[in-house]
Amino acid sequence: METVRAVFEGGVFRPVVPVKLPERVEYDFEPRPVAPPPDENGAAPEQLTYSEEGLGKVYEILSERYASGHTDTAARHNEHQP
């Protein structure tokens, strides 16, 4: 599977770099923005920054261990799969 970066202009997705895909074939894709849209003047918005305090809280939560009481969770990981 290949990821293709494209720009949406004039109602058409235009790849940023050449792609090697068969022509006249339908493709399913889910557009996912990689950058915020420009403002009404066409200027790129400022990049979001994360505060040290905010990330510190996230890392603190992620570093905590959770004792679920289940000792065989990994062995049973397929149990609820269809």
PDB file of N, CA and C in Angstrom:
ATOM      1  N   MET A   1       0.846  -1.170   0.000  1.00  0.00           N
ATOM      2  CA  MET A   1       0.000   0.000   0.000  1.00  0.00           C
ATOM      3  C   MET A   1       0.895   1.239   0.000  1.00  0.00           C
ATOM      4  N   GLU A   2       0.522   2.204  -0.775  1.00  0.00           N
ATOM      5  CA  GLU A   2       1.321   3.416  -0.963  1.00  0.00           C
ATOM      6  C   GLU A   2       0.549   4.618  -0.437  1.00  0.00           C
ATOM      7  N   THR A   3       1.225   5.531   0.235  1.00  0.00           N
ATOM      8  CA  THR A   3       0.607   6.781   0.662  1.00  0.00           C
ATOM      9  C   THR A   3       0.937   7.852  -0.361  1.00  0.00           C
ATOM     10  N   VAL A   4      -0.091   8.543  -0.834  1.00  0.00           N
ATOM     11  CA  VAL A   4       0.089   9.579  -1.847  1.00  0.00           C
ATOM     12  C   VAL A   4      -0.312  10.910  -1.236  1.00  0.00           C
ATOM     13  N   ARG A   5       0.600  11.861  -1.221  1.00  0.00           N
ATOM     14  CA  ARG A   5       0.285  13.203  -0.740  1.00  0.00           C
ATOM     15  C   ARG A   5      -0.232  14.013  -1.913  1.00  0.00           C
ATOM     16  N   ALA A   6      -1.361  14.698  -1.694  1.00  0.00           N
ATOM     17  CA  ALA A   6      -1.989  15.463  -2.773  1.00  0.00           C
ATOM     18  C   ALA A   6      -2.509  16.786  -2.238  1.00  0.00           C
ATOM     19  N   VAL A   7      -2.729  17.714  -3.162  1.00  0.00           N
ATOM     20  CA  VAL A   7      -3.298  19.019  -2.852  1.00  0.00           C
ATOM     21  C   VAL A   7      -4.668  19.073  -3.516  1.00  0.00           C
ATOM     22  N   PHE A   8      -5.671  19.561  -2.796  1.00  0.00           N
ATOM     23  CA  PHE A   8      -7.010  19.678  -3.347  1.00  0.00           C
ATOM     24  C   PHE A   8      -7.181  21.080  -3.899  1.00  0.00           C
ATOM     25  N   GLU A   9      -7.315  21.202  -5.223  1.00  0.00           N
ATOM     26  CA  GLU A   9      -7.471  22.497  -5.894  1.00  0.00           C
ATOM     27  C   GLU A   9      -8.519  22.365  -6.990  1.00  0.00           C
ATOM     28  N   GLY A  10      -9.420  23.308  -7.056  1.00  0.00           N
ATOM     29  CA  GLY A  10     -10.399  23.325  -8.135  1.00  0.00           C
ATOM     30  C   GLY A  10     -11.236  22.061  -8.208  1.00  0.00           C
ATOM     31  N   GLY A  11     -11.517  21.452  -7.059  1.00  0.00           N
ATOM     32  CA  GLY A  11     -12.336  20.259  -7.027  1.00  0.00           C
ATOM     33  C   GLY A  11     -11.615  18.980  -7.401  1.00  0.00           C
ATOM     34  N   VAL A  12     -10.275  19.020  -7.517  1.00  0.00           N
ATOM     35  CA  VAL A  12      -9.496  17.859  -7.941  1.00  0.00           C
ATOM     36  C   VAL A  12      -8.322  17.650  -6.985  1.00  0.00           C
ATOM     37  N   PHE A  13      -8.041  16.386  -6.643  1.00  0.00           N
ATOM     38  CA  PHE A  13      -6.852  16.072  -5.864  1.00  0.00           C
ATOM     39  C   PHE A  13      -5.672  15.929  -6.821  1.00  0.00           C
ATOM     40  N   ARG A  14      -4.640  16.744  -6.628  1.00  0.00           N
ATOM     41  CA  ARG A  14      -3.452  16.731  -7.486  1.00  0.00           C
ATOM     42  C   ARG A  14      -2.274  16.216  -6.672  1.00  0.00           C
ATOM     43  N   PRO A  15      -1.688  15.055  -7.072  1.00  0.00           N
ATOM     44  CA  PRO A  15      -0.536  14.527  -6.330  1.00  0.00           C
ATOM     45  C   PRO A  15       0.627  15.521  -6.326  1.00  0.00           C
ATOM     46  N   VAL A  16       1.333  15.572  -5.213  1.00  0.00           N
ATOM     47  CA  VAL A  16       2.480  16.474  -5.072  1.00  0.00           C
ATOM     48  C   VAL A  16       3.687  15.933  -5.826  1.00  0.00           C
ATOM     49  N   VAL A  17       3.820  14.621  -5.874  1.00  0.00           N
ATOM     50  CA  VAL A  17       4.914  13.978  -6.609  1.00  0.00           C
ATOM     51  C   VAL A  17       4.304  12.958  -7.578  1.00  0.00           C
ATOM     52  N   PRO A  18       5.033  12.573  -8.625  1.00  0.00           N
ATOM     53  CA  PRO A  18       4.491  11.572  -9.548  1.00  0.00           C
ATOM     54  C   PRO A  18       4.184  10.253  -8.824  1.00  0.00           C
ATOM     55  N   VAL A  19       3.082   9.617  -9.221  1.00  0.00           N
ATOM     56  CA  VAL A  19       2.699   8.334  -8.623  1.00  0.00           C
ATOM     57  C   VAL A  19       2.630   7.260  -9.699  1.00  0.00           C
ATOM     58  N   LYS A  20       2.894   6.030  -9.297  1.00  0.00           N
ATOM     59  CA  LYS A  20       2.836   4.901 -10.224  1.00  0.00           C
ATOM     60  C   LYS A  20       1.603   4.077  -9.896  1.00  0.00           C
ATOM     61  N   LEU A  21       0.463   4.508 -10.407  1.00  0.00           N
ATOM     62  CA  LEU A  21      -0.797   3.797 -10.223  1.00  0.00           C
ATOM     63  C   LEU A  21      -1.454   3.628 -11.582  1.00  0.00           C
ATOM     64  N   PRO A  22      -2.180   2.539 -11.779  1.00  0.00           N
ATOM     65  CA  PRO A  22      -2.875   2.355 -13.054  1.00  0.00           C
ATOM     66  C   PRO A  22      -3.914   3.455 -13.272  1.00  0.00           C
ATOM     67  N   GLU A  23      -4.022   3.930 -14.496  1.00  0.00           N
ATOM     68  CA  GLU A  23      -5.002   4.965 -14.848  1.00  0.00           C
ATOM     69  C   GLU A  23      -6.384   4.347 -14.991  1.00  0.00           C
ATOM     70  N   ARG A  24      -7.399   5.179 -14.836  1.00  0.00           N
ATOM     71  CA  ARG A  24      -8.804   4.799 -14.990  1.00  0.00           C
ATOM     72  C   ARG A  24      -9.234   3.668 -14.054  1.00  0.00           C
ATOM     73  N   VAL A  25      -8.620   3.638 -12.881  1.00  0.00           N
ATOM     74  CA  VAL A  25      -8.986   2.684 -11.843  1.00  0.00           C
ATOM     75  C   VAL A  25      -9.510   3.495 -10.667  1.00  0.00           C
ATOM     76  N   GLU A  26     -10.616   3.062 -10.065  1.00  0.00           N
ATOM     77  CA  GLU A  26     -11.147   3.768  -8.904  1.00  0.00           C
ATOM     78  C   GLU A  26     -10.345   3.383  -7.666  1.00  0.00           C
ATOM     79  N   TYR A  27     -10.084   4.377  -6.802  1.00  0.00           N
ATOM     80  CA  TYR A  27      -9.362   4.150  -5.555  1.00  0.00           C
ATOM     81  C   TYR A  27     -10.188   4.709  -4.412  1.00  0.00           C
ATOM     82  N   ASP A  28     -10.244   3.996  -3.317  1.00  0.00           N
ATOM     83  CA  ASP A  28     -10.850   4.508  -2.096  1.00  0.00           C
ATOM     84  C   ASP A  28      -9.761   5.141  -1.258  1.00  0.00           C
ATOM     85  N   PHE A  29     -10.054   6.276  -0.694  1.00  0.00           N
ATOM     86  CA  PHE A  29      -9.089   6.901   0.204  1.00  0.00           C
ATOM     87  C   PHE A  29      -9.817   7.780   1.190  1.00  0.00           C
ATOM     88  N   GLU A  30      -9.154   8.067   2.291  1.00  0.00           N
ATOM     89  CA  GLU A  30      -9.686   8.936   3.324  1.00  0.00           C
ATOM     90  C   GLU A  30      -8.780  10.151   3.426  1.00  0.00           C
ATOM     91  N   PRO A  31      -9.217  11.302   2.937  1.00  0.00           N
ATOM     92  CA  PRO A  31      -8.364  12.494   3.022  1.00  0.00           C
ATOM     93  C   PRO A  31      -8.078  12.834   4.484  1.00  0.00           C
ATOM     94  N   ARG A  32      -6.802  13.089   4.766  1.00  0.00           N
ATOM     95  CA  ARG A  32      -6.343  13.438   6.105  1.00  0.00           C
ATOM     96  C   ARG A  32      -5.415  14.624   5.955  1.00  0.00           C
ATOM     97  N   PRO A  33      -5.813  15.820   6.422  1.00  0.00           N
ATOM     98  CA  PRO A  33      -4.945  16.992   6.272  1.00  0.00           C
ATOM     99  C   PRO A  33      -3.614  16.798   6.991  1.00  0.00           C
ATOM    100  N   VAL A  34      -2.531  17.221   6.356  1.00  0.00           N
ATOM    101  CA  VAL A  34      -1.216  17.161   6.990  1.00  0.00           C
ATOM    102  C   VAL A  34      -0.801  18.519   7.526  1.00  0.00           C
ATOM    103  N   ALA A  35      -1.581  19.540   7.204  1.00  0.00           N
ATOM    104  CA  ALA A  35      -1.327  20.897   7.693  1.00  0.00           C
ATOM    105  C   ALA A  35      -2.661  21.637   7.732  1.00  0.00           C
ATOM    106  N   PRO A  36      -2.797  22.600   8.640  1.00  0.00           N
ATOM    107  CA  PRO A  36      -4.029  23.387   8.666  1.00  0.00           C
ATOM    108  C   PRO A  36      -4.193  24.174   7.374  1.00  0.00           C
ATOM    109  N   PRO A  37      -5.438  24.475   6.979  1.00  0.00           N
ATOM    110  CA  PRO A  37      -5.648  25.245   5.752  1.00  0.00           C
ATOM    111  C   PRO A  37      -5.133  26.677   5.900  1.00  0.00           C
ATOM    112  N   PRO A  38      -4.740  27.319   4.794  1.00  0.00           N
ATOM    113  CA  PRO A  38      -4.289  28.718   4.875  1.00  0.00           C
ATOM    114  C   PRO A  38      -5.449  29.623   5.258  1.00  0.00           C
ATOM    115  N   ASP A  39      -5.121  30.807   5.812  1.00  0.00           N
ATOM    116  CA  ASP A  39      -6.178  31.753   6.166  1.00  0.00           C
ATOM    117  C   ASP A  39      -6.745  32.405   4.908  1.00  0.00           C
ATOM    118  N   GLU A  40      -7.695  33.313   5.081  1.00  0.00           N
ATOM    119  CA  GLU A  40      -8.361  33.933   3.924  1.00  0.00           C
ATOM    120  C   GLU A  40      -7.416  34.742   3.039  1.00  0.00           C
ATOM    121  N   ASN A  41      -6.241  35.139   3.562  1.00  0.00           N
ATOM    122  CA  ASN A  41      -5.263  35.873   2.766  1.00  0.00           C
ATOM    123  C   ASN A  41      -4.267  34.942   2.069  1.00  0.00           C
ATOM    124  N   GLY A  42      -4.412  33.648   2.288  1.00  0.00           N
ATOM    125  CA  GLY A  42      -3.509  32.686   1.664  1.00  0.00           C
ATOM    126  C   GLY A  42      -2.259  32.405   2.479  1.00  0.00           C
ATOM    127  N   ALA A  43      -2.153  33.036   3.656  1.00  0.00           N
ATOM    128  CA  ALA A  43      -0.967  32.829   4.487  1.00  0.00           C
ATOM    129  C   ALA A  43      -1.117  31.537   5.290  1.00  0.00           C
ATOM    130  N   ALA A  44      -0.019  30.844   5.459  1.00  0.00           N
ATOM    131  CA  ALA A  44      -0.028  29.610   6.250  1.00  0.00           C
ATOM    132  C   ALA A  44      -0.197  29.975   7.721  1.00  0.00           C
ATOM    133  N   PRO A  45      -1.029  29.236   8.448  1.00  0.00           N
ATOM    134  CA  PRO A  45      -1.207  29.525   9.880  1.00  0.00           C
ATOM    135  C   PRO A  45       0.034  29.137  10.671  1.00  0.00           C
ATOM    136  N   GLU A  46       0.144  29.697  11.861  1.00  0.00           N
ATOM    137  CA  GLU A  46       1.274  29.364  12.718  1.00  0.00           C
ATOM    138  C   GLU A  46       1.164  27.902  13.151  1.00  0.00           C
ATOM    139  N   GLN A  47       2.299  27.256  13.298  1.00  0.00           N
ATOM    140  CA  GLN A  47       2.312  25.871  13.728  1.00  0.00           C
ATOM    141  C   GLN A  47       1.897  25.786  15.194  1.00  0.00           C
ATOM    142  N   LEU A  48       1.159  24.727  15.528  1.00  0.00           N
ATOM    143  CA  LEU A  48       0.774  24.519  16.911  1.00  0.00           C
ATOM    144  C   LEU A  48       1.985  24.084  17.717  1.00  0.00           C
ATOM    145  N   THR A  49       2.075  24.586  18.924  1.00  0.00           N
ATOM    146  CA  THR A  49       3.153  24.160  19.804  1.00  0.00           C
ATOM    147  C   THR A  49       2.534  23.573  21.057  1.00  0.00           C
ATOM    148  N   TYR A  50       3.216  22.653  21.674  1.00  0.00           N
ATOM    149  CA  TYR A  50       2.730  22.011  22.878  1.00  0.00           C
ATOM    150  C   TYR A  50       3.565  22.498  24.055  1.00  0.00           C
ATOM    151  N   SER A  51       2.888  22.838  25.118  1.00  0.00           N
ATOM    152  CA  SER A  51       3.607  23.317  26.289  1.00  0.00           C
ATOM    153  C   SER A  51       4.282  22.155  26.995  1.00  0.00           C
ATOM    154  N   GLU A  52       5.390  22.449  27.643  1.00  0.00           N
ATOM    155  CA  GLU A  52       6.103  21.430  28.405  1.00  0.00           C
ATOM    156  C   GLU A  52       5.190  20.875  29.500  1.00  0.00           C
ATOM    157  N   GLU A  53       4.408  21.753  30.112  1.00  0.00           N
ATOM    158  CA  GLU A  53       3.520  21.325  31.195  1.00  0.00           C
ATOM    159  C   GLU A  53       2.462  20.351  30.662  1.00  0.00           C
ATOM    160  N   GLY A  54       1.876  20.658  29.516  1.00  0.00           N
ATOM    161  CA  GLY A  54       0.852  19.802  28.929  1.00  0.00           C
ATOM    162  C   GLY A  54       1.396  18.432  28.582  1.00  0.00           C
ATOM    163  N   LEU A  55       2.557  18.392  27.948  1.00  0.00           N
ATOM    164  CA  LEU A  55       3.167  17.108  27.605  1.00  0.00           C
ATOM    165  C   LEU A  55       3.594  16.361  28.851  1.00  0.00           C
ATOM    166  N   GLY A  56       4.034  17.082  29.852  1.00  0.00           N
ATOM    167  CA  GLY A  56       4.430  16.445  31.103  1.00  0.00           C
ATOM    168  C   GLY A  56       3.271  15.684  31.722  1.00  0.00           C
ATOM    169  N   LYS A  57       2.067  16.270  31.676  1.00  0.00           N
ATOM    170  CA  LYS A  57       0.888  15.584  32.215  1.00  0.00           C
ATOM    171  C   LYS A  57       0.577  14.329  31.417  1.00  0.00           C
ATOM    172  N   VAL A  58       0.702  14.403  30.107  1.00  0.00           N
ATOM    173  CA  VAL A  58       0.441  13.248  29.253  1.00  0.00           C
ATOM    174  C   VAL A  58       1.432  12.134  29.564  1.00  0.00           C
ATOM    175  N   TYR A  59       2.726  12.468  29.620  1.00  0.00           N
ATOM    176  CA  TYR A  59       3.744  11.455  29.912  1.00  0.00           C
ATOM    177  C   TYR A  59       3.561  10.868  31.309  1.00  0.00           C
ATOM    178  N   GLU A  60       3.123  11.685  32.258  1.00  0.00           N
ATOM    179  CA  GLU A  60       2.884  11.182  33.608  1.00  0.00           C
ATOM    180  C   GLU A  60       1.783  10.129  33.602  1.00  0.00           C
ATOM    181  N   ILE A  61       0.698  10.408  32.897  1.00  0.00           N
ATOM    182  CA  ILE A  61      -0.408   9.450  32.811  1.00  0.00           C
ATOM    183  C   ILE A  61       0.036   8.181  32.092  1.00  0.00           C
ATOM    184  N   LEU A  62       0.770   8.338  30.990  1.00  0.00           N
ATOM    185  CA  LEU A  62       1.206   7.185  30.219  1.00  0.00           C
ATOM    186  C   LEU A  62       2.209   6.321  30.974  1.00  0.00           C
ATOM    187  N   SER A  63       2.950   6.913  31.902  1.00  0.00           N
ATOM    188  CA  SER A  63       3.970   6.149  32.626  1.00  0.00           C
ATOM    189  C   SER A  63       3.390   5.356  33.790  1.00  0.00           C
ATOM    190  N   GLU A  64       2.139   5.644  34.174  1.00  0.00           N
ATOM    191  CA  GLU A  64       1.530   4.914  35.286  1.00  0.00           C
ATOM    192  C   GLU A  64       1.170   3.497  34.838  1.00  0.00           C
ATOM    193  N   ARG A  65       1.371   2.575  35.732  1.00  0.00           N
ATOM    194  CA  ARG A  65       1.000   1.181  35.457  1.00  0.00           C
ATOM    195  C   ARG A  65      -0.428   0.962  35.938  1.00  0.00           C
ATOM    196  N   TYR A  66      -1.121   0.149  35.198  1.00  0.00           N
ATOM    197  CA  TYR A  66      -2.496  -0.171  35.559  1.00  0.00           C
ATOM    198  C   TYR A  66      -2.591  -1.656  35.834  1.00  0.00           C
ATOM    199  N   ALA A  67      -3.024  -2.012  37.035  1.00  0.00           N
ATOM    200  CA  ALA A  67      -3.159  -3.418  37.412  1.00  0.00           C
ATOM    201  C   ALA A  67      -4.608  -3.831  37.188  1.00  0.00           C
ATOM    202  N   SER A  68      -4.861  -4.528  36.087  1.00  0.00           N
ATOM    203  CA  SER A  68      -6.225  -4.950  35.768  1.00  0.00           C
ATOM    204  C   SER A  68      -6.615  -6.233  36.481  1.00  0.00           C
ATOM    205  N   GLY A  69      -5.626  -6.975  36.976  1.00  0.00           N
ATOM    206  CA  GLY A  69      -5.907  -8.249  37.595  1.00  0.00           C
ATOM    207  C   GLY A  69      -5.887  -9.402  36.609  1.00  0.00           C
ATOM    208  N   HIS A  70      -5.877  -9.093  35.319  1.00  0.00           N
ATOM    209  CA  HIS A  70      -5.822 -10.128  34.291  1.00  0.00           C
ATOM    210  C   HIS A  70      -4.354 -10.455  34.013  1.00  0.00           C
ATOM    211  N   THR A  71      -4.001 -11.695  34.168  1.00  0.00           N
ATOM    212  CA  THR A  71      -2.619 -12.089  33.940  1.00  0.00           C
ATOM    213  C   THR A  71      -2.415 -12.729  32.578  1.00  0.00           C
ATOM    214  N   ASP A  72      -3.526 -13.046  31.886  1.00  0.00           N
ATOM    215  CA  ASP A  72      -3.405 -13.740  30.604  1.00  0.00           C
ATOM    216  C   ASP A  72      -3.965 -12.911  29.449  1.00  0.00           C
ATOM    217  N   THR A  73      -3.952 -11.596  29.558  1.00  0.00           N
ATOM    218  CA  THR A  73      -4.542 -10.732  28.540  1.00  0.00           C
ATOM    219  C   THR A  73      -3.906 -10.953  27.174  1.00  0.00           C
ATOM    220  N   ALA A  74      -2.598 -11.027  27.098  1.00  0.00           N
ATOM    221  CA  ALA A  74      -1.932 -11.217  25.812  1.00  0.00           C
ATOM    222  C   ALA A  74      -2.277 -12.571  25.204  1.00  0.00           C
ATOM    223  N   ALA A  75      -2.413 -13.574  26.023  1.00  0.00           N
ATOM    224  CA  ALA A  75      -2.737 -14.914  25.521  1.00  0.00           C
ATOM    225  C   ALA A  75      -4.160 -14.970  24.985  1.00  0.00           C
ATOM    226  N   ARG A  76      -5.025 -14.058  25.440  1.00  0.00           N
ATOM    227  CA  ARG A  76      -6.431 -14.071  25.029  1.00  0.00           C
ATOM    228  C   ARG A  76      -6.767 -12.946  24.067  1.00  0.00           C
ATOM    229  N   HIS A  77      -5.777 -12.342  23.416  1.00  0.00           N
ATOM    230  CA  HIS A  77      -6.019 -11.151  22.604  1.00  0.00           C
ATOM    231  C   HIS A  77      -6.939 -11.395  21.411  1.00  0.00           C
ATOM    232  N   ASN A  78      -7.042 -12.611  20.907  1.00  0.00           N
ATOM    233  CA  ASN A  78      -7.918 -12.910  19.765  1.00  0.00           C
ATOM    234  C   ASN A  78      -9.327 -13.338  20.197  1.00  0.00           C
ATOM    235  N   GLU A  79      -9.555 -13.399  21.469  1.00  0.00           N
ATOM    236  CA  GLU A  79     -10.819 -13.935  21.986  1.00  0.00           C
ATOM    237  C   GLU A  79     -12.042 -13.172  21.474  1.00  0.00           C
ATOM    238  N   HIS A  80     -11.949 -11.867  21.333  1.00  0.00           N
ATOM    239  CA  HIS A  80     -13.105 -11.058  20.943  1.00  0.00           C
ATOM    240  C   HIS A  80     -13.088 -10.662  19.474  1.00  0.00           C
ATOM    241  N   GLN A  81     -12.245 -11.275  18.705  1.00  0.00           N
ATOM    242  CA  GLN A  81     -12.173 -10.963  17.261  1.00  0.00           C
ATOM    243  C   GLN A  81     -13.253 -11.742  16.536  1.00  0.00           C
ATOM    244  N   PRO A  82     -13.855 -11.147  15.495  1.00  0.00           N
ATOM    245  CA  PRO A  82     -14.894 -11.852  14.741  1.00  0.00           C
ATOM    246  C   PRO A  82     -14.335 -13.038  13.977  1.00  0.00           C
TER     247      PRO A  82
END
